């Protein structure tokens, strides 16, 4: 019987490089991983494909899925809704694939409630200064938006202790290989060598990151 896959929830600060890491992981191990596809009530953008980028559904269908408890987590915003369909995740897990779910902290905790053995990973830059530099380096956002993102990161840092592992994205190759190692070890229940990456082993680092983010968000 094929080994069942692991559900892995990835969260992290804006600018930490989550999306880049996920692309690298999937490119290196396409047979081992599947990226969860969310359902949304918004219209497709040019080039987006149903079932690949998102499952595009009506408001009525989305509400019906909520009533039937078909989401692992969902969020309703002012104009659109987004959710993680349980069936897509479970199908891929049963095929032996590890399913990667990239969502924010609130959604991650909802998923953990429903799938107890889900593995939660938080991605961060090596330090708050690097995070700020990456946001500035994009060249696409105003100073006000960058300040708002840093303030948001400060808020998000309060929830890191709910995660299993802390992944420092120093380089894409190293961090994506580390994520792969942690997931493989979780799947084989060989987690003894991974203790240094546990959130509980990195509290000093997390506290320092919090303090620096607070200073940056105040414009210091």
C-alpha atoms as a PDB file:
ATOM      1  CA  UNK A   1       0.000   0.000   0.000  1.00  0.00           C
ATOM      2  CA  UNK A   2       1.328   3.405  -0.954  1.00  0.00           C
ATOM      3  CA  UNK A   3       2.318   5.638   1.934  1.00  0.00           C
ATOM      4  CA  UNK A   4      -0.157   8.438   2.539  1.00  0.00           C
ATOM      5  CA  UNK A   5       1.134  11.943   1.967  1.00  0.00           C
ATOM      6  CA  UNK A   6       1.494  14.706   4.542  1.00  0.00           C
ATOM      7  CA  UNK A   7      -0.478  17.936   4.595  1.00  0.00           C
ATOM      8  CA  UNK A   8       1.998  20.778   5.036  1.00  0.00           C
ATOM      9  CA  UNK A   9       0.815  24.307   5.808  1.00  0.00           C
ATOM     10  CA  UNK A  10       3.255  27.077   4.894  1.00  0.00           C
ATOM     11  CA  UNK A  11       2.840  30.586   6.292  1.00  0.00           C
ATOM     12  CA  UNK A  12       5.229  33.483   6.562  1.00  0.00           C
ATOM     13  CA  UNK A  13       5.843  37.190   6.339  1.00  0.00           C
ATOM     14  CA  UNK A  14       5.277  39.165   3.161  1.00  0.00           C
ATOM     15  CA  UNK A  15       8.722  39.335   1.575  1.00  0.00           C
ATOM     16  CA  UNK A  16       9.934  36.095   3.165  1.00  0.00           C
ATOM     17  CA  UNK A  17       9.846  34.338  -0.223  1.00  0.00           C
ATOM     18  CA  UNK A  18       7.164  31.688   0.357  1.00  0.00           C
ATOM     19  CA  UNK A  19       6.012  31.605  -3.267  1.00  0.00           C
ATOM     20  CA  UNK A  20       9.552  31.295  -4.616  1.00  0.00           C
ATOM     21  CA  UNK A  21      10.289  28.427  -2.218  1.00  0.00           C
ATOM     22  CA  UNK A  22       7.124  26.591  -3.240  1.00  0.00           C
ATOM     23  CA  UNK A  23       8.021  26.873  -6.938  1.00  0.00           C
ATOM     24  CA  UNK A  24      11.513  25.551  -6.248  1.00  0.00           C
ATOM     25  CA  UNK A  25      10.163  22.644  -4.195  1.00  0.00           C
ATOM     26  CA  UNK A  26       7.622  21.633  -6.843  1.00  0.00           C
ATOM     27  CA  UNK A  27      10.152  21.995  -9.663  1.00  0.00           C
ATOM     28  CA  UNK A  28      12.677  19.778  -7.853  1.00  0.00           C
ATOM     29  CA  UNK A  29      10.176  17.096  -6.769  1.00  0.00           C
ATOM     30  CA  UNK A  30       7.069  17.214  -9.007  1.00  0.00           C
ATOM     31  CA  UNK A  31       6.083  13.629  -8.167  1.00  0.00           C
ATOM     32  CA  UNK A  32       6.356  14.149  -4.424  1.00  0.00           C
ATOM     33  CA  UNK A  33       4.345  17.340  -3.956  1.00  0.00           C
ATOM     34  CA  UNK A  34       1.049  18.907  -4.955  1.00  0.00           C
ATOM     35  CA  UNK A  35       0.162  22.533  -4.321  1.00  0.00           C
ATOM     36  CA  UNK A  36      -3.345  22.891  -2.924  1.00  0.00           C
ATOM     37  CA  UNK A  37      -5.782  24.664  -5.230  1.00  0.00           C
ATOM     38  CA  UNK A  38      -8.209  27.071  -3.568  1.00  0.00           C
ATOM     39  CA  UNK A  39     -11.813  27.726  -4.500  1.00  0.00           C
ATOM     40  CA  UNK A  40     -12.774  31.353  -5.079  1.00  0.00           C
ATOM     41  CA  UNK A  41     -15.823  33.364  -6.043  1.00  0.00           C
ATOM     42  CA  UNK A  42     -13.824  35.942  -8.007  1.00  0.00           C
ATOM     43  CA  UNK A  43     -13.665  35.863 -11.806  1.00  0.00           C
ATOM     44  CA  UNK A  44     -10.673  34.296 -13.553  1.00  0.00           C
ATOM     45  CA  UNK A  45      -7.921  36.691 -14.578  1.00  0.00           C
ATOM     46  CA  UNK A  46      -6.398  36.434 -18.072  1.00  0.00           C
ATOM     47  CA  UNK A  47      -4.463  33.180 -18.400  1.00  0.00           C
ATOM     48  CA  UNK A  48      -5.881  31.574 -15.259  1.00  0.00           C
ATOM     49  CA  UNK A  49      -7.322  28.080 -15.642  1.00  0.00           C
ATOM     50  CA  UNK A  50     -10.090  26.504 -13.608  1.00  0.00           C
ATOM     51  CA  UNK A  51      -8.758  23.614 -11.531  1.00  0.00           C
ATOM     52  CA  UNK A  52      -5.154  24.754 -11.979  1.00  0.00           C
ATOM     53  CA  UNK A  53      -4.912  28.265 -10.538  1.00  0.00           C
ATOM     54  CA  UNK A  54      -8.224  28.158  -8.657  1.00  0.00           C
ATOM     55  CA  UNK A  55     -11.551  26.391  -8.662  1.00  0.00           C
ATOM     56  CA  UNK A  56     -13.816  29.222  -9.824  1.00  0.00           C
ATOM     57  CA  UNK A  57     -17.283  28.878  -8.287  1.00  0.00           C
ATOM     58  CA  UNK A  58     -20.394  31.001  -7.775  1.00  0.00           C
ATOM     59  CA  UNK A  59     -21.345  32.567  -4.451  1.00  0.00           C
ATOM     60  CA  UNK A  60     -24.184  30.069  -4.205  1.00  0.00           C
ATOM     61  CA  UNK A  61     -21.857  27.102  -4.740  1.00  0.00           C
ATOM     62  CA  UNK A  62     -19.363  28.469  -2.213  1.00  0.00           C
ATOM     63  CA  UNK A  63     -22.084  28.920   0.420  1.00  0.00           C
ATOM     64  CA  UNK A  64     -23.335  25.404  -0.276  1.00  0.00           C
ATOM     65  CA  UNK A  65     -19.796  24.040   0.222  1.00  0.00           C
ATOM     66  CA  UNK A  66     -19.627  25.817   3.586  1.00  0.00           C
ATOM     67  CA  UNK A  67     -22.949  24.271   4.632  1.00  0.00           C
ATOM     68  CA  UNK A  68     -21.684  20.795   3.651  1.00  0.00           C
ATOM     69  CA  UNK A  69     -18.402  21.302   5.565  1.00  0.00           C
ATOM     70  CA  UNK A  70     -16.423  20.835   2.358  1.00  0.00           C
ATOM     71  CA  UNK A  71     -13.683  23.332   3.265  1.00  0.00           C
ATOM     72  CA  UNK A  72     -10.680  22.775   5.518  1.00  0.00           C
ATOM     73  CA  UNK A  73     -10.652  26.541   5.968  1.00  0.00           C
ATOM     74  CA  UNK A  74     -12.227  29.534   4.253  1.00  0.00           C
ATOM     75  CA  UNK A  75     -12.358  33.299   4.494  1.00  0.00           C
ATOM     76  CA  UNK A  76     -15.000  35.683   3.200  1.00  0.00           C
ATOM     77  CA  UNK A  77     -13.845  39.163   2.321  1.00  0.00           C
ATOM     78  CA  UNK A  78     -15.943  42.150   1.287  1.00  0.00           C
ATOM     79  CA  UNK A  79     -16.359  41.123  -2.336  1.00  0.00           C
ATOM     80  CA  UNK A  80     -14.924  37.613  -2.728  1.00  0.00           C
ATOM     81  CA  UNK A  81     -14.466  34.360  -0.836  1.00  0.00           C
ATOM     82  CA  UNK A  82     -11.573  31.899  -0.784  1.00  0.00           C
ATOM     83  CA  UNK A  83     -11.422  28.398   0.659  1.00  0.00           C
ATOM     84  CA  UNK A  84      -9.422  25.152   0.669  1.00  0.00           C
ATOM     85  CA  UNK A  85     -11.555  22.258  -0.624  1.00  0.00           C
ATOM     86  CA  UNK A  86     -11.170  19.203   1.559  1.00  0.00           C
ATOM     87  CA  UNK A  87     -11.732  16.720  -1.319  1.00  0.00           C
ATOM     88  CA  UNK A  88      -8.816  17.978  -3.459  1.00  0.00           C
ATOM     89  CA  UNK A  89      -6.437  17.777  -0.508  1.00  0.00           C
ATOM     90  CA  UNK A  90      -7.563  14.301   0.577  1.00  0.00           C
ATOM     91  CA  UNK A  91      -7.402  12.884  -2.975  1.00  0.00           C
ATOM     92  CA  UNK A  92      -3.776  13.949  -3.353  1.00  0.00           C
ATOM     93  CA  UNK A  93      -2.828  12.744   0.145  1.00  0.00           C
ATOM     94  CA  UNK A  94      -4.305   9.347  -0.653  1.00  0.00           C
ATOM     95  CA  UNK A  95      -2.220   9.249  -3.848  1.00  0.00           C
ATOM     96  CA  UNK A  96       0.856   9.518  -1.633  1.00  0.00           C
ATOM     97  CA  UNK A  97       1.596  13.148  -2.479  1.00  0.00           C
ATOM     98  CA  UNK A  98       2.505  15.700   0.146  1.00  0.00           C
ATOM     99  CA  UNK A  99       0.071  18.581  -0.234  1.00  0.00           C
ATOM    100  CA  UNK A 100       1.415  22.097   0.294  1.00  0.00           C
ATOM    101  CA  UNK A 101      -1.056  24.698   1.489  1.00  0.00           C
ATOM    102  CA  UNK A 102       0.152  28.321   1.539  1.00  0.00           C
ATOM    103  CA  UNK A 103      -2.168  30.348   3.780  1.00  0.00           C
ATOM    104  CA  UNK A 104      -2.173  32.847   6.638  1.00  0.00           C
ATOM    105  CA  UNK A 105      -2.041  31.995  10.328  1.00  0.00           C
ATOM    106  CA  UNK A 106      -5.800  32.018  11.021  1.00  0.00           C
ATOM    107  CA  UNK A 107      -6.438  29.547   8.202  1.00  0.00           C
ATOM    108  CA  UNK A 108      -3.482  27.411   9.252  1.00  0.00           C
ATOM    109  CA  UNK A 109      -4.908  26.959  12.741  1.00  0.00           C
ATOM    110  CA  UNK A 110      -8.316  26.031  11.316  1.00  0.00           C
ATOM    111  CA  UNK A 111      -6.662  23.360   9.169  1.00  0.00           C
ATOM    112  CA  UNK A 112      -4.767  21.991  12.184  1.00  0.00           C
ATOM    113  CA  UNK A 113      -8.074  21.629  14.037  1.00  0.00           C
ATOM    114  CA  UNK A 114      -9.468  19.428  11.248  1.00  0.00           C
ATOM    115  CA  UNK A 115      -6.317  17.506  10.290  1.00  0.00           C
ATOM    116  CA  UNK A 116      -4.394  16.867  13.489  1.00  0.00           C
ATOM    117  CA  UNK A 117      -1.248  15.502  11.832  1.00  0.00           C
ATOM    118  CA  UNK A 118      -0.847  18.473   9.490  1.00  0.00           C
ATOM    119  CA  UNK A 119       2.659  19.946   9.690  1.00  0.00           C
ATOM    120  CA  UNK A 120       2.833  23.723  10.150  1.00  0.00           C
ATOM    121  CA  UNK A 121       5.908  25.617   8.917  1.00  0.00           C
ATOM    122  CA  UNK A 122       6.604  29.327   9.249  1.00  0.00           C
ATOM    123  CA  UNK A 123       8.963  30.947   6.728  1.00  0.00           C
ATOM    124  CA  UNK A 124      10.978  34.025   7.650  1.00  0.00           C
ATOM    125  CA  UNK A 125      13.859  36.062   6.304  1.00  0.00           C
ATOM    126  CA  UNK A 126      17.155  35.732   8.249  1.00  0.00           C
ATOM    127  CA  UNK A 127      16.328  38.926  10.175  1.00  0.00           C
ATOM    128  CA  UNK A 128      13.927  41.864  10.184  1.00  0.00           C
ATOM    129  CA  UNK A 129      16.377  44.097   8.306  1.00  0.00           C
ATOM    130  CA  UNK A 130      16.600  41.609   5.431  1.00  0.00           C
ATOM    131  CA  UNK A 131      12.807  41.361   5.343  1.00  0.00           C
ATOM    132  CA  UNK A 132      12.524  45.143   5.053  1.00  0.00           C
ATOM    133  CA  UNK A 133      15.234  45.243   2.361  1.00  0.00           C
ATOM    134  CA  UNK A 134      13.430  42.574   0.304  1.00  0.00           C
ATOM    135  CA  UNK A 135      10.168  44.539   0.436  1.00  0.00           C
ATOM    136  CA  UNK A 136      11.972  47.737  -0.598  1.00  0.00           C
ATOM    137  CA  UNK A 137      13.945  45.862  -3.258  1.00  0.00           C
ATOM    138  CA  UNK A 138      10.792  44.781  -5.065  1.00  0.00           C
ATOM    139  CA  UNK A 139      10.431  48.380  -6.189  1.00  0.00           C
ATOM    140  CA  UNK A 140       6.692  47.890  -6.621  1.00  0.00           C
ATOM    141  CA  UNK A 141       5.337  49.314  -3.380  1.00  0.00           C
ATOM    142  CA  UNK A 142       5.160  52.751  -1.796  1.00  0.00           C
ATOM    143  CA  UNK A 143       6.833  53.464   1.566  1.00  0.00           C
ATOM    144  CA  UNK A 144       3.332  53.516   3.114  1.00  0.00           C
ATOM    145  CA  UNK A 145       2.551  50.024   1.796  1.00  0.00           C
ATOM    146  CA  UNK A 146       5.929  48.722   2.984  1.00  0.00           C
ATOM    147  CA  UNK A 147       5.292  50.182   6.453  1.00  0.00           C
ATOM    148  CA  UNK A 148       1.859  48.522   6.492  1.00  0.00           C
ATOM    149  CA  UNK A 149       3.394  45.167   5.512  1.00  0.00           C
ATOM    150  CA  UNK A 150       5.990  45.459   8.280  1.00  0.00           C
ATOM    151  CA  UNK A 151       3.244  46.307  10.780  1.00  0.00           C
ATOM    152  CA  UNK A 152       1.321  43.271   9.551  1.00  0.00           C
ATOM    153  CA  UNK A 153       4.442  41.126   9.949  1.00  0.00           C
ATOM    154  CA  UNK A 154       4.729  42.372  13.517  1.00  0.00           C
ATOM    155  CA  UNK A 155       1.160  41.159  14.190  1.00  0.00           C
ATOM    156  CA  UNK A 156       1.796  37.821  12.458  1.00  0.00           C
ATOM    157  CA  UNK A 157       4.917  37.226  14.547  1.00  0.00           C
ATOM    158  CA  UNK A 158       2.666  36.843  17.586  1.00  0.00           C
ATOM    159  CA  UNK A 159       1.342  33.556  16.169  1.00  0.00           C
ATOM    160  CA  UNK A 160       4.599  31.796  15.285  1.00  0.00           C
ATOM    161  CA  UNK A 161       4.548  29.668  18.455  1.00  0.00           C
ATOM    162  CA  UNK A 162       1.556  27.780  17.034  1.00  0.00           C
ATOM    163  CA  UNK A 163       3.788  26.315  14.301  1.00  0.00           C
ATOM    164  CA  UNK A 164       5.910  23.168  14.319  1.00  0.00           C
ATOM    165  CA  UNK A 165       8.944  24.380  12.385  1.00  0.00           C
ATOM    166  CA  UNK A 166      10.694  27.669  11.635  1.00  0.00           C
ATOM    167  CA  UNK A 167      12.366  27.864   8.209  1.00  0.00           C
ATOM    168  CA  UNK A 168      14.822  30.699   7.650  1.00  0.00           C
ATOM    169  CA  UNK A 169      14.925  31.547   3.935  1.00  0.00           C
ATOM    170  CA  UNK A 170      18.573  32.510   3.623  1.00  0.00           C
ATOM    171  CA  UNK A 171      18.911  31.114   0.093  1.00  0.00           C
ATOM    172  CA  UNK A 172      16.183  29.489  -1.991  1.00  0.00           C
ATOM    173  CA  UNK A 173      18.198  26.313  -2.626  1.00  0.00           C
ATOM    174  CA  UNK A 174      19.025  25.775   1.047  1.00  0.00           C
ATOM    175  CA  UNK A 175      15.568  26.658   2.409  1.00  0.00           C
ATOM    176  CA  UNK A 176      13.626  24.592  -0.161  1.00  0.00           C
ATOM    177  CA  UNK A 177      15.918  21.597   0.491  1.00  0.00           C
ATOM    178  CA  UNK A 178      15.342  22.030   4.230  1.00  0.00           C
ATOM    179  CA  UNK A 179      11.560  22.065   3.768  1.00  0.00           C
ATOM    180  CA  UNK A 180      11.841  18.859   1.719  1.00  0.00           C
ATOM    181  CA  UNK A 181      14.004  17.243   4.424  1.00  0.00           C
ATOM    182  CA  UNK A 182      11.593  18.202   7.222  1.00  0.00           C
ATOM    183  CA  UNK A 183       8.585  16.871   5.312  1.00  0.00           C
ATOM    184  CA  UNK A 184      10.299  13.596   4.399  1.00  0.00           C
ATOM    185  CA  UNK A 185      11.362  13.122   8.017  1.00  0.00           C
ATOM    186  CA  UNK A 186       7.805  13.806   9.209  1.00  0.00           C
ATOM    187  CA  UNK A 187       6.451  11.298   6.724  1.00  0.00           C
ATOM    188  CA  UNK A 188       8.913   8.620   7.863  1.00  0.00           C
ATOM    189  CA  UNK A 189       8.569   9.683  11.520  1.00  0.00           C
ATOM    190  CA  UNK A 190      12.324  10.298  11.619  1.00  0.00           C
ATOM    191  CA  UNK A 191      12.164  13.748  13.226  1.00  0.00           C
ATOM    192  CA  UNK A 192      14.971  13.335  15.757  1.00  0.00           C
ATOM    193  CA  UNK A 193      17.535  15.208  13.659  1.00  0.00           C
ATOM    194  CA  UNK A 194      15.205  18.142  13.055  1.00  0.00           C
ATOM    195  CA  UNK A 195      14.906  19.439  16.613  1.00  0.00           C
ATOM    196  CA  UNK A 196      16.997  22.549  15.892  1.00  0.00           C
ATOM    197  CA  UNK A 197      14.352  23.705  13.397  1.00  0.00           C
ATOM    198  CA  UNK A 198      11.484  23.361  15.849  1.00  0.00           C
ATOM    199  CA  UNK A 199       9.817  26.663  16.758  1.00  0.00           C
ATOM    200  CA  UNK A 200      10.353  25.803  20.426  1.00  0.00           C
ATOM    201  CA  UNK A 201      14.137  25.768  19.828  1.00  0.00           C
ATOM    202  CA  UNK A 202      14.116  29.226  18.232  1.00  0.00           C
ATOM    203  CA  UNK A 203      12.254  31.400  20.750  1.00  0.00           C
ATOM    204  CA  UNK A 204      15.157  33.837  21.184  1.00  0.00           C
ATOM    205  CA  UNK A 205      15.366  34.353  17.418  1.00  0.00           C
ATOM    206  CA  UNK A 206      11.604  34.899  17.217  1.00  0.00           C
ATOM    207  CA  UNK A 207      11.603  37.417  20.076  1.00  0.00           C
ATOM    208  CA  UNK A 208      14.451  39.380  18.463  1.00  0.00           C
ATOM    209  CA  UNK A 209      12.567  39.405  15.149  1.00  0.00           C
ATOM    210  CA  UNK A 210       9.460  40.718  16.943  1.00  0.00           C
ATOM    211  CA  UNK A 211      11.345  43.543  18.631  1.00  0.00           C
ATOM    212  CA  UNK A 212      12.970  44.651  15.381  1.00  0.00           C
ATOM    213  CA  UNK A 213       9.694  44.476  13.459  1.00  0.00           C
ATOM    214  CA  UNK A 214       8.042  46.638  16.111  1.00  0.00           C
ATOM    215  CA  UNK A 215      10.794  49.245  15.692  1.00  0.00           C
ATOM    216  CA  UNK A 216      10.496  49.205  11.891  1.00  0.00           C
ATOM    217  CA  UNK A 217       6.703  49.436  11.950  1.00  0.00           C
ATOM    218  CA  UNK A 218       7.003  52.563  14.100  1.00  0.00           C
ATOM    219  CA  UNK A 219       9.411  54.048  11.570  1.00  0.00           C
ATOM    220  CA  UNK A 220      12.446  53.800  13.838  1.00  0.00           C
END
